[in-house]
């Protein structure tokens, strides 16, 4: 495995383990054992566990936003339809075997707001709100900032409810409220 491949492999293994068990619960030795990579290789790429977590969160963020956009754009070209399709995207995510809740909220719960990890959480949440605002503006709706915040609140609530109840219908319940907010 090439050096860049090892780094990517470490991040992928870390994402899987952090998602399932949490950030503090997963030790570096566990990641090394699961990845099959030497300890020196891990520390060559990531001087600290926190840097590995930050890299994992950046990768999760990027992939989540790409998948969300692609999913919504495949369903419709209408910006309002794409915004509403974001709830369908959540429902699909909630139905997967790898859904353990929001990895960013988990990270925020384990690290304080002065930590780089918390800053990655903030950035992700801002980028998601920006996506909602982009769709709201493209749909020509008034008060895009306010509406984007409300849609985000519905997303976050649906994610939290689905995590606790293991019920993917939380996404459609949130979507029904979004329709009332956006089309009223």
C-alpha atoms as a PDB file:
ATOM      1  CA  UNK A   1       0.000   0.000   0.000  1.00  0.00           C
ATOM      2  CA  UNK A   2       1.397   3.424  -0.961  1.00  0.00           C
ATOM      3  CA  UNK A   3       1.876   6.157   1.617  1.00  0.00           C
ATOM      4  CA  UNK A   4      -1.184   8.171   0.531  1.00  0.00           C
ATOM      5  CA  UNK A   5      -3.251   4.982   0.457  1.00  0.00           C
ATOM      6  CA  UNK A   6      -2.190   4.171   4.016  1.00  0.00           C
ATOM      7  CA  UNK A   7      -3.231   7.600   5.195  1.00  0.00           C
ATOM      8  CA  UNK A   8      -6.617   7.269   3.522  1.00  0.00           C
ATOM      9  CA  UNK A   9      -7.013   3.753   4.886  1.00  0.00           C
ATOM     10  CA  UNK A  10      -6.277   4.982   8.416  1.00  0.00           C
ATOM     11  CA  UNK A  11      -8.891   7.721   8.072  1.00  0.00           C
ATOM     12  CA  UNK A  12     -11.464   5.262   6.723  1.00  0.00           C
ATOM     13  CA  UNK A  13     -10.866   2.792   9.546  1.00  0.00           C
ATOM     14  CA  UNK A  14     -10.987   5.604  12.110  1.00  0.00           C
ATOM     15  CA  UNK A  15     -14.275   6.909  10.678  1.00  0.00           C
ATOM     16  CA  UNK A  16     -15.875   3.487  10.956  1.00  0.00           C
ATOM     17  CA  UNK A  17     -14.676   2.975  14.511  1.00  0.00           C
ATOM     18  CA  UNK A  18     -15.451   6.513  15.743  1.00  0.00           C
ATOM     19  CA  UNK A  19     -18.900   6.330  14.191  1.00  0.00           C
ATOM     20  CA  UNK A  20     -19.703   3.077  15.921  1.00  0.00           C
ATOM     21  CA  UNK A  21     -18.011   3.528  19.302  1.00  0.00           C
ATOM     22  CA  UNK A  22     -17.319   7.236  19.808  1.00  0.00           C
ATOM     23  CA  UNK A  23     -14.162   9.311  19.753  1.00  0.00           C
ATOM     24  CA  UNK A  24     -12.837   8.880  23.286  1.00  0.00           C
ATOM     25  CA  UNK A  25     -13.771   5.184  23.406  1.00  0.00           C
ATOM     26  CA  UNK A  26     -11.568   4.325  20.432  1.00  0.00           C
ATOM     27  CA  UNK A  27      -7.869   4.264  21.190  1.00  0.00           C
ATOM     28  CA  UNK A  28      -5.013   4.642  18.772  1.00  0.00           C
ATOM     29  CA  UNK A  29      -3.972   1.043  19.418  1.00  0.00           C
ATOM     30  CA  UNK A  30      -7.421  -0.155  18.326  1.00  0.00           C
ATOM     31  CA  UNK A  31      -7.176   1.823  15.095  1.00  0.00           C
ATOM     32  CA  UNK A  32      -3.697   0.422  14.453  1.00  0.00           C
ATOM     33  CA  UNK A  33      -4.891  -3.133  15.071  1.00  0.00           C
ATOM     34  CA  UNK A  34      -7.974  -2.734  12.872  1.00  0.00           C
ATOM     35  CA  UNK A  35      -6.109  -0.997  10.048  1.00  0.00           C
ATOM     36  CA  UNK A  36      -3.122  -3.317   9.998  1.00  0.00           C
ATOM     37  CA  UNK A  37      -0.829  -0.302   9.774  1.00  0.00           C
ATOM     38  CA  UNK A  38       2.230   0.183  11.973  1.00  0.00           C
ATOM     39  CA  UNK A  39       2.104   2.652  14.848  1.00  0.00           C
ATOM     40  CA  UNK A  40       4.946   4.647  13.305  1.00  0.00           C
ATOM     41  CA  UNK A  41       2.929   4.956  10.077  1.00  0.00           C
ATOM     42  CA  UNK A  42      -0.071   6.325  11.947  1.00  0.00           C
ATOM     43  CA  UNK A  43       2.042   8.870  13.796  1.00  0.00           C
ATOM     44  CA  UNK A  44       3.876   9.829  10.601  1.00  0.00           C
ATOM     45  CA  UNK A  45       0.540  10.907   9.121  1.00  0.00           C
ATOM     46  CA  UNK A  46      -1.156  12.137  12.306  1.00  0.00           C
ATOM     47  CA  UNK A  47       0.970  13.424  15.169  1.00  0.00           C
ATOM     48  CA  UNK A  48      -1.999  13.177  17.552  1.00  0.00           C
ATOM     49  CA  UNK A  49      -5.289  11.345  17.798  1.00  0.00           C
ATOM     50  CA  UNK A  50      -7.044  14.726  17.586  1.00  0.00           C
ATOM     51  CA  UNK A  51      -5.475  15.379  14.174  1.00  0.00           C
ATOM     52  CA  UNK A  52      -6.752  11.988  13.009  1.00  0.00           C
ATOM     53  CA  UNK A  53     -10.235  12.827  14.308  1.00  0.00           C
ATOM     54  CA  UNK A  54     -10.154  16.208  12.548  1.00  0.00           C
ATOM     55  CA  UNK A  55      -9.134  14.512   9.291  1.00  0.00           C
ATOM     56  CA  UNK A  56     -11.931  11.975   9.728  1.00  0.00           C
ATOM     57  CA  UNK A  57     -14.495  14.732  10.298  1.00  0.00           C
ATOM     58  CA  UNK A  58     -13.294  16.648   7.227  1.00  0.00           C
ATOM     59  CA  UNK A  59     -13.694  13.520   5.101  1.00  0.00           C
ATOM     60  CA  UNK A  60     -17.143  12.774   6.543  1.00  0.00           C
ATOM     61  CA  UNK A  61     -18.202  16.381   5.910  1.00  0.00           C
ATOM     62  CA  UNK A  62     -17.013  16.429   2.331  1.00  0.00           C
ATOM     63  CA  UNK A  63     -18.596  13.088   1.457  1.00  0.00           C
ATOM     64  CA  UNK A  64     -21.860  13.931   3.227  1.00  0.00           C
ATOM     65  CA  UNK A  65     -22.249  17.205   1.332  1.00  0.00           C
ATOM     66  CA  UNK A  66     -21.370  15.579  -2.015  1.00  0.00           C
ATOM     67  CA  UNK A  67     -23.824  12.738  -1.415  1.00  0.00           C
ATOM     68  CA  UNK A  68     -26.579  15.108  -0.268  1.00  0.00           C
ATOM     69  CA  UNK A  69     -26.192  17.326  -3.314  1.00  0.00           C
ATOM     70  CA  UNK A  70     -26.018  14.415  -5.772  1.00  0.00           C
ATOM     71  CA  UNK A  71     -28.995  12.656  -4.210  1.00  0.00           C
ATOM     72  CA  UNK A  72     -31.154  15.780  -4.330  1.00  0.00           C
ATOM     73  CA  UNK A  73     -30.104  16.803  -7.833  1.00  0.00           C
ATOM     74  CA  UNK A  74     -30.798  13.328  -9.204  1.00  0.00           C
ATOM     75  CA  UNK A  75     -34.396  13.554  -8.006  1.00  0.00           C
ATOM     76  CA  UNK A  76     -35.242  16.971  -9.407  1.00  0.00           C
ATOM     77  CA  UNK A  77     -33.857  20.158 -10.934  1.00  0.00           C
ATOM     78  CA  UNK A  78     -36.248  22.312  -8.875  1.00  0.00           C
ATOM     79  CA  UNK A  79     -34.370  24.000  -5.971  1.00  0.00           C
ATOM     80  CA  UNK A  80     -37.350  23.698  -3.619  1.00  0.00           C
ATOM     81  CA  UNK A  81     -37.712  20.040  -4.565  1.00  0.00           C
ATOM     82  CA  UNK A  82     -34.009  19.529  -3.932  1.00  0.00           C
ATOM     83  CA  UNK A  83     -34.332  21.122  -0.508  1.00  0.00           C
ATOM     84  CA  UNK A  84     -37.222  18.818   0.364  1.00  0.00           C
ATOM     85  CA  UNK A  85     -35.326  15.852  -1.087  1.00  0.00           C
ATOM     86  CA  UNK A  86     -32.705  16.437   1.598  1.00  0.00           C
ATOM     87  CA  UNK A  87     -35.157  14.824   4.014  1.00  0.00           C
ATOM     88  CA  UNK A  88     -35.435  11.789   1.735  1.00  0.00           C
ATOM     89  CA  UNK A  89     -31.635  11.641   1.820  1.00  0.00           C
ATOM     90  CA  UNK A  90     -31.788  11.551   5.612  1.00  0.00           C
ATOM     91  CA  UNK A  91     -34.343   8.739   5.527  1.00  0.00           C
ATOM     92  CA  UNK A  92     -32.039   6.642   3.354  1.00  0.00           C
ATOM     93  CA  UNK A  93     -29.113   7.354   5.711  1.00  0.00           C
ATOM     94  CA  UNK A  94     -31.206   6.483   8.777  1.00  0.00           C
ATOM     95  CA  UNK A  95     -32.077   3.120   7.205  1.00  0.00           C
ATOM     96  CA  UNK A  96     -28.442   2.031   6.797  1.00  0.00           C
ATOM     97  CA  UNK A  97     -26.702  -0.357   9.161  1.00  0.00           C
ATOM     98  CA  UNK A  98     -23.961   2.235   9.680  1.00  0.00           C
ATOM     99  CA  UNK A  99     -26.247   4.971  11.046  1.00  0.00           C
ATOM    100  CA  UNK A 100     -25.258   5.677  14.640  1.00  0.00           C
ATOM    101  CA  UNK A 101     -26.335   9.308  14.759  1.00  0.00           C
ATOM    102  CA  UNK A 102     -24.541  12.456  13.690  1.00  0.00           C
ATOM    103  CA  UNK A 103     -20.767  12.073  13.959  1.00  0.00           C
ATOM    104  CA  UNK A 104     -20.451  15.839  14.373  1.00  0.00           C
ATOM    105  CA  UNK A 105     -22.841  16.073  17.301  1.00  0.00           C
ATOM    106  CA  UNK A 106     -21.020  13.135  18.883  1.00  0.00           C
ATOM    107  CA  UNK A 107     -17.713  14.979  18.448  1.00  0.00           C
ATOM    108  CA  UNK A 108     -19.185  18.178  19.896  1.00  0.00           C
ATOM    109  CA  UNK A 109     -20.328  16.202  22.917  1.00  0.00           C
ATOM    110  CA  UNK A 110     -16.862  14.812  23.513  1.00  0.00           C
ATOM    111  CA  UNK A 111     -14.727  17.909  22.862  1.00  0.00           C
ATOM    112  CA  UNK A 112     -15.030  21.468  24.116  1.00  0.00           C
ATOM    113  CA  UNK A 113     -15.392  24.546  21.958  1.00  0.00           C
ATOM    114  CA  UNK A 114     -11.714  25.510  22.177  1.00  0.00           C
ATOM    115  CA  UNK A 115     -10.616  22.313  20.446  1.00  0.00           C
ATOM    116  CA  UNK A 116      -9.856  21.966  16.713  1.00  0.00           C
ATOM    117  CA  UNK A 117     -12.317  19.087  16.571  1.00  0.00           C
ATOM    118  CA  UNK A 118     -15.137  21.343  17.728  1.00  0.00           C
ATOM    119  CA  UNK A 119     -14.149  23.827  15.025  1.00  0.00           C
ATOM    120  CA  UNK A 120     -14.585  21.078  12.406  1.00  0.00           C
ATOM    121  CA  UNK A 121     -18.089  20.500  13.791  1.00  0.00           C
ATOM    122  CA  UNK A 122     -18.951  24.191  13.496  1.00  0.00           C
ATOM    123  CA  UNK A 123     -17.639  24.335   9.943  1.00  0.00           C
ATOM    124  CA  UNK A 124     -19.718  21.315   8.891  1.00  0.00           C
ATOM    125  CA  UNK A 125     -22.902  22.737  10.394  1.00  0.00           C
ATOM    126  CA  UNK A 126     -22.303  26.117   8.712  1.00  0.00           C
ATOM    127  CA  UNK A 127     -21.713  24.476   5.332  1.00  0.00           C
ATOM    128  CA  UNK A 128     -24.953  22.500   5.622  1.00  0.00           C
ATOM    129  CA  UNK A 129     -26.897  25.649   6.485  1.00  0.00           C
ATOM    130  CA  UNK A 130     -25.233  27.401   3.527  1.00  0.00           C
ATOM    131  CA  UNK A 131     -26.452  24.593   1.248  1.00  0.00           C
ATOM    132  CA  UNK A 132     -30.005  25.043   2.528  1.00  0.00           C
ATOM    133  CA  UNK A 133     -29.751  28.798   2.071  1.00  0.00           C
ATOM    134  CA  UNK A 134     -28.467  28.323  -1.485  1.00  0.00           C
ATOM    135  CA  UNK A 135     -31.508  26.196  -2.369  1.00  0.00           C
ATOM    136  CA  UNK A 136     -33.919  28.612  -0.683  1.00  0.00           C
ATOM    137  CA  UNK A 137     -32.449  31.572  -2.575  1.00  0.00           C
ATOM    138  CA  UNK A 138     -32.604  29.651  -5.862  1.00  0.00           C
ATOM    139  CA  UNK A 139     -36.265  28.870  -5.151  1.00  0.00           C
ATOM    140  CA  UNK A 140     -36.919  32.603  -4.693  1.00  0.00           C
ATOM    141  CA  UNK A 141     -38.276  32.262  -1.165  1.00  0.00           C
ATOM    142  CA  UNK A 142     -38.124  35.189   1.274  1.00  0.00           C
ATOM    143  CA  UNK A 143     -35.913  35.247   4.381  1.00  0.00           C
ATOM    144  CA  UNK A 144     -33.369  32.654   3.207  1.00  0.00           C
ATOM    145  CA  UNK A 145     -31.209  32.875   6.339  1.00  0.00           C
ATOM    146  CA  UNK A 146     -34.182  32.355   8.649  1.00  0.00           C
ATOM    147  CA  UNK A 147     -35.627  29.523   6.583  1.00  0.00           C
ATOM    148  CA  UNK A 148     -32.239  27.811   6.272  1.00  0.00           C
ATOM    149  CA  UNK A 149     -31.922  27.855  10.054  1.00  0.00           C
ATOM    150  CA  UNK A 150     -35.394  26.366  10.427  1.00  0.00           C
ATOM    151  CA  UNK A 151     -34.699  23.632   7.876  1.00  0.00           C
ATOM    152  CA  UNK A 152     -31.433  22.872   9.643  1.00  0.00           C
ATOM    153  CA  UNK A 153     -33.259  22.615  12.957  1.00  0.00           C
ATOM    154  CA  UNK A 154     -35.647  20.088  11.406  1.00  0.00           C
ATOM    155  CA  UNK A 155     -32.698  18.099  10.030  1.00  0.00           C
ATOM    156  CA  UNK A 156     -30.910  18.077  13.367  1.00  0.00           C
ATOM    157  CA  UNK A 157     -34.073  17.067  15.204  1.00  0.00           C
ATOM    158  CA  UNK A 158     -34.759  14.256  12.752  1.00  0.00           C
ATOM    159  CA  UNK A 159     -31.195  12.969  13.105  1.00  0.00           C
ATOM    160  CA  UNK A 160     -31.382  13.011  16.905  1.00  0.00           C
ATOM    161  CA  UNK A 161     -34.791  11.311  16.954  1.00  0.00           C
ATOM    162  CA  UNK A 162     -33.712   8.646  14.463  1.00  0.00           C
ATOM    163  CA  UNK A 163     -30.610   7.930  16.507  1.00  0.00           C
ATOM    164  CA  UNK A 164     -32.575   7.442  19.712  1.00  0.00           C
ATOM    165  CA  UNK A 165     -35.612   5.628  18.309  1.00  0.00           C
ATOM    166  CA  UNK A 166     -33.959   3.836  15.352  1.00  0.00           C
ATOM    167  CA  UNK A 167     -37.010   4.992  13.379  1.00  0.00           C
ATOM    168  CA  UNK A 168     -36.187   6.293   9.904  1.00  0.00           C
ATOM    169  CA  UNK A 169     -39.651   7.875   9.613  1.00  0.00           C
ATOM    170  CA  UNK A 170     -38.314  10.835  11.609  1.00  0.00           C
ATOM    171  CA  UNK A 171     -37.062  12.215   8.287  1.00  0.00           C
ATOM    172  CA  UNK A 172     -40.520  12.191   6.698  1.00  0.00           C
ATOM    173  CA  UNK A 173     -42.079  13.726   9.814  1.00  0.00           C
ATOM    174  CA  UNK A 174     -39.548  16.550   9.619  1.00  0.00           C
ATOM    175  CA  UNK A 175     -40.178  16.883   5.887  1.00  0.00           C
ATOM    176  CA  UNK A 176     -43.906  17.368   6.518  1.00  0.00           C
ATOM    177  CA  UNK A 177     -43.114  20.267   8.853  1.00  0.00           C
ATOM    178  CA  UNK A 178     -40.663  21.681   6.290  1.00  0.00           C
ATOM    179  CA  UNK A 179     -43.403  21.688   3.646  1.00  0.00           C
ATOM    180  CA  UNK A 180     -45.620  23.716   6.017  1.00  0.00           C
ATOM    181  CA  UNK A 181     -42.810  26.194   6.668  1.00  0.00           C
ATOM    182  CA  UNK A 182     -41.709  26.561   3.058  1.00  0.00           C
ATOM    183  CA  UNK A 183     -45.037  26.538   1.273  1.00  0.00           C
ATOM    184  CA  UNK A 184     -47.172  28.504   3.752  1.00  0.00           C
END
